């Protein structure tokens, strides 16, 4: 994934928003693409909505804008990486599990 991301300018995640099977997908693909430094265009799955400010929707004018000028989305990617680094480390996830179990 790291090699492919280094060769890419953007990441598309068409999730099939009308598919019951895919509508329950986790945010893993979105967070991985952002962590790898790629501007992302994605369908607006429920699990993606907490991260909505970090990606372009495939069904709005954001998508062609991102394809024409992906560099305009770099600030969003950096902001997402900071968020991911603060909330998705092993320690942070461990604290969440302890909180739930307590």
PDB file of N, CA and C in Angstrom:
ATOM      1  N   UNK A   1       0.802  -1.193   0.000  1.00  0.00           N
ATOM      2  CA  UNK A   1       0.000   0.000   0.000  1.00  0.00           C
ATOM      3  C   UNK A   1       0.851   1.266   0.000  1.00  0.00           C
ATOM      4  N   UNK A   2       1.935   1.237   0.735  1.00  0.00           N
ATOM      5  CA  UNK A   2       2.796   2.415   0.815  1.00  0.00           C
ATOM      6  C   UNK A   2       3.384   2.725  -0.551  1.00  0.00           C
ATOM      7  N   UNK A   3       3.824   1.703  -1.277  1.00  0.00           N
ATOM      8  CA  UNK A   3       4.400   1.902  -2.603  1.00  0.00           C
ATOM      9  C   UNK A   3       3.367   2.480  -3.559  1.00  0.00           C
ATOM     10  N   UNK A   4       2.179   1.907  -3.575  1.00  0.00           N
ATOM     11  CA  UNK A   4       1.126   2.387  -4.474  1.00  0.00           C
ATOM     12  C   UNK A   4       0.729   3.814  -4.106  1.00  0.00           C
ATOM     13  N   UNK A   5       0.615   4.107  -2.811  1.00  0.00           N
ATOM     14  CA  UNK A   5       0.259   5.467  -2.381  1.00  0.00           C
ATOM     15  C   UNK A   5       1.313   6.467  -2.838  1.00  0.00           C
ATOM     16  N   UNK A   6       2.574   6.062  -2.819  1.00  0.00           N
ATOM     17  CA  UNK A   6       3.636   6.986  -3.230  1.00  0.00           C
ATOM     18  C   UNK A   6       3.593   7.275  -4.727  1.00  0.00           C
ATOM     19  N   UNK A   7       2.930   6.421  -5.492  1.00  0.00           N
ATOM     20  CA  UNK A   7       2.798   6.605  -6.935  1.00  0.00           C
ATOM     21  C   UNK A   7       1.495   7.308  -7.319  1.00  0.00           C
ATOM     22  N   UNK A   8       0.641   7.556  -6.324  1.00  0.00           N
ATOM     23  CA  UNK A   8      -0.699   8.088  -6.576  1.00  0.00           C
ATOM     24  C   UNK A   8      -0.812   9.548  -6.171  1.00  0.00           C
ATOM     25  N   UNK A   9      -1.734  10.234  -6.821  1.00  0.00           N
ATOM     26  CA  UNK A   9      -2.024  11.627  -6.480  1.00  0.00           C
ATOM     27  C   UNK A   9      -3.267  11.764  -5.622  1.00  0.00           C
ATOM     28  N   UNK A  10      -4.213  10.833  -5.785  1.00  0.00           N
ATOM     29  CA  UNK A  10      -5.477  10.854  -5.050  1.00  0.00           C
ATOM     30  C   UNK A  10      -5.930   9.419  -4.810  1.00  0.00           C
ATOM     31  N   UNK A  11      -6.933   9.292  -3.955  1.00  0.00           N
ATOM     32  CA  UNK A  11      -7.550   7.984  -3.718  1.00  0.00           C
ATOM     33  C   UNK A  11      -9.055   8.135  -3.868  1.00  0.00           C
ATOM     34  N   UNK A  12      -9.674   7.226  -4.608  1.00  0.00           N
ATOM     35  CA  UNK A  12     -11.139   7.177  -4.725  1.00  0.00           C
ATOM     36  C   UNK A  12     -11.629   5.989  -3.928  1.00  0.00           C
ATOM     37  N   UNK A  13     -12.708   6.199  -3.192  1.00  0.00           N
ATOM     38  CA  UNK A  13     -13.324   5.090  -2.465  1.00  0.00           C
ATOM     39  C   UNK A  13     -14.821   5.072  -2.795  1.00  0.00           C
ATOM     40  N   UNK A  14     -15.169   4.478  -3.943  1.00  0.00           N
ATOM     41  CA  UNK A  14     -16.593   4.315  -4.244  1.00  0.00           C
ATOM     42  C   UNK A  14     -17.105   3.128  -3.442  1.00  0.00           C
ATOM     43  N   UNK A  15     -17.985   3.399  -2.518  1.00  0.00           N
ATOM     44  CA  UNK A  15     -18.394   2.346  -1.592  1.00  0.00           C
ATOM     45  C   UNK A  15     -19.709   1.689  -1.952  1.00  0.00           C
ATOM     46  N   UNK A  16     -20.392   2.172  -2.944  1.00  0.00           N
ATOM     47  CA  UNK A  16     -21.686   1.583  -3.265  1.00  0.00           C
ATOM     48  C   UNK A  16     -22.706   1.920  -2.203  1.00  0.00           C
ATOM     49  N   UNK A  17     -23.033   3.196  -2.082  1.00  0.00           N
ATOM     50  CA  UNK A  17     -23.898   3.648  -0.996  1.00  0.00           C
ATOM     51  C   UNK A  17     -25.288   3.029  -1.031  1.00  0.00           C
ATOM     52  N   UNK A  18     -25.676   2.454  -2.150  1.00  0.00           N
ATOM     53  CA  UNK A  18     -26.991   1.801  -2.238  1.00  0.00           C
ATOM     54  C   UNK A  18     -26.920   0.315  -1.930  1.00  0.00           C
ATOM     55  N   UNK A  19     -25.750  -0.168  -1.597  1.00  0.00           N
ATOM     56  CA  UNK A  19     -25.572  -1.585  -1.270  1.00  0.00           C
ATOM     57  C   UNK A  19     -25.670  -1.790   0.240  1.00  0.00           C
ATOM     58  N   UNK A  20     -26.617  -2.639   0.670  1.00  0.00           N
ATOM     59  CA  UNK A  20     -26.759  -2.910   2.113  1.00  0.00           C
ATOM     60  C   UNK A  20     -25.479  -3.513   2.675  1.00  0.00           C
ATOM     61  N   UNK A  21     -24.844  -4.365   1.909  1.00  0.00           N
ATOM     62  CA  UNK A  21     -23.625  -5.036   2.373  1.00  0.00           C
ATOM     63  C   UNK A  21     -22.508  -4.021   2.616  1.00  0.00           C
ATOM     64  N   UNK A  22     -22.352  -3.059   1.726  1.00  0.00           N
ATOM     65  CA  UNK A  22     -21.258  -2.102   1.847  1.00  0.00           C
ATOM     66  C   UNK A  22     -21.603  -0.904   2.715  1.00  0.00           C
ATOM     67  N   UNK A  23     -22.880  -0.662   2.958  1.00  0.00           N
ATOM     68  CA  UNK A  23     -23.270   0.513   3.738  1.00  0.00           C
ATOM     69  C   UNK A  23     -22.782   0.417   5.183  1.00  0.00           C
ATOM     70  N   UNK A  24     -22.451  -0.773   5.642  1.00  0.00           N
ATOM     71  CA  UNK A  24     -21.958  -0.959   7.005  1.00  0.00           C
ATOM     72  C   UNK A  24     -20.442  -1.019   7.097  1.00  0.00           C
ATOM     73  N   UNK A  25     -19.743  -0.621   6.040  1.00  0.00           N
ATOM     74  CA  UNK A  25     -18.276  -0.678   6.031  1.00  0.00           C
ATOM     75  C   UNK A  25     -17.693   0.271   7.076  1.00  0.00           C
ATOM     76  N   UNK A  26     -16.550  -0.108   7.591  1.00  0.00           N
ATOM     77  CA  UNK A  26     -15.866   0.731   8.583  1.00  0.00           C
ATOM     78  C   UNK A  26     -15.127   1.866   7.880  1.00  0.00           C
ATOM     79  N   UNK A  27     -14.543   2.723   8.666  1.00  0.00           N
ATOM     80  CA  UNK A  27     -13.789   3.862   8.124  1.00  0.00           C
ATOM     81  C   UNK A  27     -12.335   3.513   7.832  1.00  0.00           C
ATOM     82  N   UNK A  28     -11.953   2.247   7.917  1.00  0.00           N
ATOM     83  CA  UNK A  28     -10.553   1.850   7.759  1.00  0.00           C
ATOM     84  C   UNK A  28      -9.926   2.305   6.445  1.00  0.00           C
ATOM     85  N   UNK A  29     -10.612   2.105   5.335  1.00  0.00           N
ATOM     86  CA  UNK A  29     -10.036   2.493   4.038  1.00  0.00           C
ATOM     87  C   UNK A  29      -9.803   3.996   3.963  1.00  0.00           C
ATOM     88  N   UNK A  30     -10.776   4.749   4.436  1.00  0.00           N
ATOM     89  CA  UNK A  30     -10.655   6.203   4.416  1.00  0.00           C
ATOM     90  C   UNK A  30      -9.484   6.667   5.270  1.00  0.00           C
ATOM     91  N   UNK A  31      -9.411   6.171   6.498  1.00  0.00           N
ATOM     92  CA  UNK A  31      -8.345   6.587   7.408  1.00  0.00           C
ATOM     93  C   UNK A  31      -6.972   6.149   6.906  1.00  0.00           C
ATOM     94  N   UNK A  32      -6.897   4.973   6.302  1.00  0.00           N
ATOM     95  CA  UNK A  32      -5.625   4.491   5.759  1.00  0.00           C
ATOM     96  C   UNK A  32      -5.144   5.394   4.631  1.00  0.00           C
ATOM     97  N   UNK A  33      -6.033   5.731   3.703  1.00  0.00           N
ATOM     98  CA  UNK A  33      -5.650   6.598   2.580  1.00  0.00           C
ATOM     99  C   UNK A  33      -5.190   7.964   3.076  1.00  0.00           C
ATOM    100  N   UNK A  34      -5.896   8.526   4.038  1.00  0.00           N
ATOM    101  CA  UNK A  34      -5.500   9.818   4.589  1.00  0.00           C
ATOM    102  C   UNK A  34      -4.169   9.712   5.329  1.00  0.00           C
ATOM    103  N   UNK A  35      -3.991   8.648   6.104  1.00  0.00           N
ATOM    104  CA  UNK A  35      -2.735   8.460   6.830  1.00  0.00           C
ATOM    105  C   UNK A  35      -1.559   8.321   5.874  1.00  0.00           C
ATOM    106  N   UNK A  36      -1.810   7.764   4.687  1.00  0.00           N
ATOM    107  CA  UNK A  36      -0.764   7.619   3.679  1.00  0.00           C
ATOM    108  C   UNK A  36      -0.519   8.914   2.902  1.00  0.00           C
ATOM    109  N   UNK A  37      -1.283   9.962   3.232  1.00  0.00           N
ATOM    110  CA  UNK A  37      -1.033  11.271   2.640  1.00  0.00           C
ATOM    111  C   UNK A  37      -1.774  11.575   1.358  1.00  0.00           C
ATOM    112  N   UNK A  38      -2.830  10.824   1.074  1.00  0.00           N
ATOM    113  CA  UNK A  38      -3.556  11.036  -0.174  1.00  0.00           C
ATOM    114  C   UNK A  38      -4.835  11.834   0.030  1.00  0.00           C
ATOM    115  N   UNK A  39      -5.090  12.826  -0.824  1.00  0.00           N
ATOM    116  CA  UNK A  39      -6.419  13.429  -0.844  1.00  0.00           C
ATOM    117  C   UNK A  39      -7.406  12.342  -1.260  1.00  0.00           C
ATOM    118  N   UNK A  40      -8.561  12.305  -0.614  1.00  0.00           N
ATOM    119  CA  UNK A  40      -9.515  11.222  -0.837  1.00  0.00           C
ATOM    120  C   UNK A  40     -10.851  11.762  -1.328  1.00  0.00           C
ATOM    121  N   UNK A  41     -11.418  11.056  -2.311  1.00  0.00           N
ATOM    122  CA  UNK A  41     -12.797  11.262  -2.742  1.00  0.00           C
ATOM    123  C   UNK A  41     -13.537   9.967  -2.424  1.00  0.00           C
ATOM    124  N   UNK A  42     -14.647  10.080  -1.721  1.00  0.00           N
ATOM    125  CA  UNK A  42     -15.347   8.882  -1.273  1.00  0.00           C
ATOM    126  C   UNK A  42     -16.849   9.093  -1.246  1.00  0.00           C
ATOM    127  N   UNK A  43     -17.559   7.973  -1.238  1.00  0.00           N
ATOM    128  CA  UNK A  43     -18.983   8.020  -0.960  1.00  0.00           C
ATOM    129  C   UNK A  43     -19.158   8.357   0.519  1.00  0.00           C
ATOM    130  N   UNK A  44     -20.288   8.918   0.854  1.00  0.00           N
ATOM    131  CA  UNK A  44     -20.533   9.343   2.225  1.00  0.00           C
ATOM    132  C   UNK A  44     -21.206   8.238   3.036  1.00  0.00           C
ATOM    133  N   UNK A  45     -20.424   7.223   3.379  1.00  0.00           N
ATOM    134  CA  UNK A  45     -20.922   6.163   4.253  1.00  0.00           C
ATOM    135  C   UNK A  45     -21.103   6.706   5.658  1.00  0.00           C
ATOM    136  N   UNK A  46     -21.983   6.098   6.417  1.00  0.00           N
ATOM    137  CA  UNK A  46     -22.224   6.549   7.786  1.00  0.00           C
ATOM    138  C   UNK A  46     -20.940   6.554   8.609  1.00  0.00           C
ATOM    139  N   UNK A  47     -20.101   5.540   8.439  1.00  0.00           N
ATOM    140  CA  UNK A  47     -18.858   5.458   9.215  1.00  0.00           C
ATOM    141  C   UNK A  47     -17.845   6.524   8.798  1.00  0.00           C
ATOM    142  N   UNK A  48     -18.026   7.118   7.607  1.00  0.00           N
ATOM    143  CA  UNK A  48     -17.119   8.160   7.130  1.00  0.00           C
ATOM    144  C   UNK A  48     -17.536   9.552   7.596  1.00  0.00           C
ATOM    145  N   UNK A  49     -18.784   9.719   7.997  1.00  0.00           N
ATOM    146  CA  UNK A  49     -19.315  11.044   8.293  1.00  0.00           C
ATOM    147  C   UNK A  49     -18.567  11.788   9.397  1.00  0.00           C
ATOM    148  N   UNK A  50     -18.047  11.126  10.451  1.00  0.00           N
ATOM    149  CA  UNK A  50     -17.265  11.872  11.433  1.00  0.00           C
ATOM    150  C   UNK A  50     -15.992  12.501  10.837  1.00  0.00           C
ATOM    151  N   UNK A  51     -15.594  12.043   9.671  1.00  0.00           N
ATOM    152  CA  UNK A  51     -14.368  12.512   9.008  1.00  0.00           C
ATOM    153  C   UNK A  51     -14.694  13.313   7.751  1.00  0.00           C
ATOM    154  N   UNK A  52     -15.924  13.778   7.633  1.00  0.00           N
ATOM    155  CA  UNK A  52     -16.406  14.406   6.408  1.00  0.00           C
ATOM    156  C   UNK A  52     -15.570  15.610   5.975  1.00  0.00           C
ATOM    157  N   UNK A  53     -15.039  16.348   6.906  1.00  0.00           N
ATOM    158  CA  UNK A  53     -14.270  17.528   6.503  1.00  0.00           C
ATOM    159  C   UNK A  53     -12.921  17.183   5.885  1.00  0.00           C
ATOM    160  N   UNK A  54     -12.544  15.900   5.927  1.00  0.00           N
ATOM    161  CA  UNK A  54     -11.242  15.488   5.417  1.00  0.00           C
ATOM    162  C   UNK A  54     -11.283  14.885   4.018  1.00  0.00           C
ATOM    163  N   UNK A  55     -12.461  14.666   3.433  1.00  0.00           N
ATOM    164  CA  UNK A  55     -12.520  14.059   2.106  1.00  0.00           C
ATOM    165  C   UNK A  55     -13.552  14.750   1.228  1.00  0.00           C
ATOM    166  N   UNK A  56     -13.381  14.592  -0.077  1.00  0.00           N
ATOM    167  CA  UNK A  56     -14.329  15.119  -1.057  1.00  0.00           C
ATOM    168  C   UNK A  56     -15.382  14.060  -1.341  1.00  0.00           C
ATOM    169  N   UNK A  57     -16.608  14.490  -1.454  1.00  0.00           N
ATOM    170  CA  UNK A  57     -17.686  13.563  -1.793  1.00  0.00           C
ATOM    171  C   UNK A  57     -17.658  13.269  -3.291  1.00  0.00           C
ATOM    172  N   UNK A  58     -17.840  12.009  -3.620  1.00  0.00           N
ATOM    173  CA  UNK A  58     -17.859  11.614  -5.035  1.00  0.00           C
ATOM    174  C   UNK A  58     -19.058  12.186  -5.777  1.00  0.00           C
ATOM    175  N   UNK A  59     -20.075  12.633  -5.046  1.00  0.00           N
ATOM    176  CA  UNK A  59     -21.317  13.061  -5.683  1.00  0.00           C
ATOM    177  C   UNK A  59     -21.565  14.565  -5.566  1.00  0.00           C
ATOM    178  N   UNK A  60     -20.495  15.336  -5.424  1.00  0.00           N
ATOM    179  CA  UNK A  60     -20.611  16.789  -5.386  1.00  0.00           C
ATOM    180  C   UNK A  60     -19.534  17.387  -6.289  1.00  0.00           C
ATOM    181  N   UNK A  61     -19.537  18.689  -6.395  1.00  0.00           N
ATOM    182  CA  UNK A  61     -18.521  19.356  -7.218  1.00  0.00           C
ATOM    183  C   UNK A  61     -17.139  19.279  -6.580  1.00  0.00           C
ATOM    184  N   UNK A  62     -17.065  18.838  -5.326  1.00  0.00           N
ATOM    185  CA  UNK A  62     -15.754  18.657  -4.685  1.00  0.00           C
ATOM    186  C   UNK A  62     -14.900  17.664  -5.468  1.00  0.00           C
ATOM    187  N   UNK A  63     -15.542  16.622  -5.978  1.00  0.00           N
ATOM    188  CA  UNK A  63     -14.803  15.553  -6.653  1.00  0.00           C
ATOM    189  C   UNK A  63     -14.055  16.052  -7.885  1.00  0.00           C
ATOM    190  N   UNK A  64     -14.716  16.691  -8.860  1.00  0.00           N
ATOM    191  CA  UNK A  64     -13.937  17.179 -10.010  1.00  0.00           C
ATOM    192  C   UNK A  64     -12.918  18.245  -9.600  1.00  0.00           C
ATOM    193  N   UNK A  65     -13.237  19.039  -8.595  1.00  0.00           N
ATOM    194  CA  UNK A  65     -12.270  20.034  -8.114  1.00  0.00           C
ATOM    195  C   UNK A  65     -11.018  19.341  -7.591  1.00  0.00           C
ATOM    196  N   UNK A  66     -11.206  18.262  -6.837  1.00  0.00           N
ATOM    197  CA  UNK A  66     -10.057  17.542  -6.297  1.00  0.00           C
ATOM    198  C   UNK A  66      -9.242  16.886  -7.415  1.00  0.00           C
ATOM    199  N   UNK A  67      -9.918  16.364  -8.410  1.00  0.00           N
ATOM    200  CA  UNK A  67      -9.200  15.720  -9.504  1.00  0.00           C
ATOM    201  C   UNK A  67      -8.384  16.740 -10.300  1.00  0.00           C
ATOM    202  N   UNK A  68      -8.891  17.941 -10.441  1.00  0.00           N
ATOM    203  CA  UNK A  68      -8.178  18.975 -11.186  1.00  0.00           C
ATOM    204  C   UNK A  68      -7.045  19.608 -10.388  1.00  0.00           C
ATOM    205  N   UNK A  69      -7.238  19.734  -9.071  1.00  0.00           N
ATOM    206  CA  UNK A  69      -6.244  20.394  -8.229  1.00  0.00           C
ATOM    207  C   UNK A  69      -6.132  19.690  -6.879  1.00  0.00           C
ATOM    208  N   UNK A  70      -5.577  18.474  -6.864  1.00  0.00           N
ATOM    209  CA  UNK A  70      -5.490  17.736  -5.601  1.00  0.00           C
ATOM    210  C   UNK A  70      -4.682  18.473  -4.537  1.00  0.00           C
ATOM    211  N   UNK A  71      -3.748  19.328  -4.970  1.00  0.00           N
ATOM    212  CA  UNK A  71      -2.918  20.052  -4.002  1.00  0.00           C
ATOM    213  C   UNK A  71      -3.759  20.987  -3.123  1.00  0.00           C
ATOM    214  N   UNK A  72      -4.933  21.376  -3.587  1.00  0.00           N
ATOM    215  CA  UNK A  72      -5.800  22.231  -2.781  1.00  0.00           C
ATOM    216  C   UNK A  72      -6.405  21.480  -1.593  1.00  0.00           C
ATOM    217  N   UNK A  73      -6.248  20.167  -1.564  1.00  0.00           N
ATOM    218  CA  UNK A  73      -6.796  19.342  -0.488  1.00  0.00           C
ATOM    219  C   UNK A  73      -5.715  18.879   0.493  1.00  0.00           C
ATOM    220  N   UNK A  74      -4.468  19.305   0.274  1.00  0.00           N
ATOM    221  CA  UNK A  74      -3.370  18.864   1.137  1.00  0.00           C
ATOM    222  C   UNK A  74      -3.548  19.306   2.583  1.00  0.00           C
ATOM    223  N   UNK A  75      -4.086  20.511   2.803  1.00  0.00           N
ATOM    224  CA  UNK A  75      -4.289  20.967   4.180  1.00  0.00           C
ATOM    225  C   UNK A  75      -5.270  20.061   4.918  1.00  0.00           C
ATOM    226  N   UNK A  76      -6.316  19.599   4.215  1.00  0.00           N
ATOM    227  CA  UNK A  76      -7.275  18.678   4.819  1.00  0.00           C
ATOM    228  C   UNK A  76      -6.593  17.355   5.176  1.00  0.00           C
ATOM    229  N   UNK A  77      -5.724  16.887   4.302  1.00  0.00           N
ATOM    230  CA  UNK A  77      -5.010  15.631   4.555  1.00  0.00           C
ATOM    231  C   UNK A  77      -4.115  15.778   5.786  1.00  0.00           C
ATOM    232  N   UNK A  78      -3.410  16.878   5.878  1.00  0.00           N
ATOM    233  CA  UNK A  78      -2.531  17.106   7.042  1.00  0.00           C
ATOM    234  C   UNK A  78      -3.348  17.176   8.328  1.00  0.00           C
ATOM    235  N   UNK A  79      -4.475  17.872   8.268  1.00  0.00           N
ATOM    236  CA  UNK A  79      -5.353  17.958   9.435  1.00  0.00           C
ATOM    237  C   UNK A  79      -5.867  16.571   9.825  1.00  0.00           C
ATOM    238  N   UNK A  80      -6.232  15.768   8.833  1.00  0.00           N
ATOM    239  CA  UNK A  80      -6.691  14.404   9.093  1.00  0.00           C
ATOM    240  C   UNK A  80      -5.582  13.569   9.717  1.00  0.00           C
ATOM    241  N   UNK A  81      -4.366  13.711   9.229  1.00  0.00           N
ATOM    242  CA  UNK A  81      -3.249  12.954   9.785  1.00  0.00           C
ATOM    243  C   UNK A  81      -3.012  13.315  11.248  1.00  0.00           C
ATOM    244  N   UNK A  82      -3.150  14.571  11.587  1.00  0.00           N
ATOM    245  CA  UNK A  82      -3.002  14.988  12.987  1.00  0.00           C
ATOM    246  C   UNK A  82      -4.097  14.337  13.829  1.00  0.00           C
ATOM    247  N   UNK A  83      -5.329  14.376  13.331  1.00  0.00           N
ATOM    248  CA  UNK A  83      -6.450  13.756  14.047  1.00  0.00           C
ATOM    249  C   UNK A  83      -6.222  12.253  14.229  1.00  0.00           C
ATOM    250  N   UNK A  84      -5.814  11.592  13.164  1.00  0.00           N
ATOM    251  CA  UNK A  84      -5.569  10.144  13.225  1.00  0.00           C
ATOM    252  C   UNK A  84      -4.454   9.844  14.227  1.00  0.00           C
ATOM    253  N   UNK A  85      -3.393  10.635  14.188  1.00  0.00           N
ATOM    254  CA  UNK A  85      -2.273  10.440  15.108  1.00  0.00           C
ATOM    255  C   UNK A  85      -2.650  10.624  16.565  1.00  0.00           C
ATOM    256  N   UNK A  86      -3.639  11.444  16.830  1.00  0.00           N
ATOM    257  CA  UNK A  86      -4.067  11.692  18.202  1.00  0.00           C
ATOM    258  C   UNK A  86      -5.090  10.672  18.696  1.00  0.00           C
ATOM    259  N   UNK A  87      -5.893  10.126  17.786  1.00  0.00           N
ATOM    260  CA  UNK A  87      -7.023   9.303  18.212  1.00  0.00           C
ATOM    261  C   UNK A  87      -6.954   7.829  17.796  1.00  0.00           C
ATOM    262  N   UNK A  88      -6.004   7.446  16.960  1.00  0.00           N
ATOM    263  CA  UNK A  88      -5.978   6.078  16.450  1.00  0.00           C
ATOM    264  C   UNK A  88      -4.640   5.382  16.679  1.00  0.00           C
ATOM    265  N   UNK A  89      -3.967   5.733  17.752  1.00  0.00           N
ATOM    266  CA  UNK A  89      -2.755   5.020  18.140  1.00  0.00           C
ATOM    267  C   UNK A  89      -3.161   3.809  18.983  1.00  0.00           C
ATOM    268  N   UNK A  90      -2.232   2.904  19.213  1.00  0.00           N
ATOM    269  CA  UNK A  90      -2.523   1.753  20.073  1.00  0.00           C
ATOM    270  C   UNK A  90      -2.919   2.213  21.473  1.00  0.00           C
ATOM    271  N   UNK A  91      -2.243   3.228  21.962  1.00  0.00           N
ATOM    272  CA  UNK A  91      -2.541   3.733  23.300  1.00  0.00           C
ATOM    273  C   UNK A  91      -3.941   4.329  23.369  1.00  0.00           C
ATOM    274  N   UNK A  92      -4.299   5.130  22.373  1.00  0.00           N
ATOM    275  CA  UNK A  92      -5.618   5.759  22.364  1.00  0.00           C
ATOM    276  C   UNK A  92      -6.730   4.727  22.248  1.00  0.00           C
ATOM    277  N   UNK A  93      -6.537   3.752  21.396  1.00  0.00           N
ATOM    278  CA  UNK A  93      -7.534   2.687  21.244  1.00  0.00           C
ATOM    279  C   UNK A  93      -7.627   1.882  22.543  1.00  0.00           C
ATOM    280  N   UNK A  94      -6.490   1.611  23.171  1.00  0.00           N
ATOM    281  CA  UNK A  94      -6.479   0.894  24.449  1.00  0.00           C
ATOM    282  C   UNK A  94      -7.262   1.642  25.512  1.00  0.00           C
ATOM    283  N   UNK A  95      -7.086   2.958  25.567  1.00  0.00           N
ATOM    284  CA  UNK A  95      -7.844   3.768  26.537  1.00  0.00           C
ATOM    285  C   UNK A  95      -9.341   3.694  26.257  1.00  0.00           C
ATOM    286  N   UNK A  96      -9.705   3.690  24.995  1.00  0.00           N
ATOM    287  CA  UNK A  96     -11.135   3.590  24.644  1.00  0.00           C
ATOM    288  C   UNK A  96     -11.705   2.250  25.101  1.00  0.00           C
ATOM    289  N   UNK A  97     -10.966   1.181  24.868  1.00  0.00           N
ATOM    290  CA  UNK A  97     -11.432  -0.137  25.302  1.00  0.00           C
ATOM    291  C   UNK A  97     -11.556  -0.199  26.826  1.00  0.00           C
ATOM    292  N   UNK A  98     -10.568   0.320  27.534  1.00  0.00           N
ATOM    293  CA  UNK A  98     -10.640   0.323  29.003  1.00  0.00           C
ATOM    294  C   UNK A  98     -11.839   1.123  29.478  1.00  0.00           C
ATOM    295  N   UNK A  99     -12.094   2.247  28.837  1.00  0.00           N
ATOM    296  CA  UNK A  99     -13.239   3.079  29.211  1.00  0.00           C
ATOM    297  C   UNK A  99     -14.555   2.318  28.997  1.00  0.00           C
ATOM    298  N   UNK A 100     -14.646   1.625  27.891  1.00  0.00           N
ATOM    299  CA  UNK A 100     -15.855   0.847  27.589  1.00  0.00           C
ATOM    300  C   UNK A 100     -16.023  -0.292  28.580  1.00  0.00           C
ATOM    301  N   UNK A 101     -14.937  -0.983  28.883  1.00  0.00           N
ATOM    302  CA  UNK A 101     -15.019  -2.135  29.784  1.00  0.00           C
ATOM    303  C   UNK A 101     -15.273  -1.738  31.230  1.00  0.00           C
ATOM    304  N   UNK A 102     -14.883  -0.523  31.590  1.00  0.00           N
ATOM    305  CA  UNK A 102     -15.145  -0.051  32.960  1.00  0.00           C
ATOM    306  C   UNK A 102     -16.565   0.427  33.049  1.00  0.00           C
TER     307      UNK A 102
END
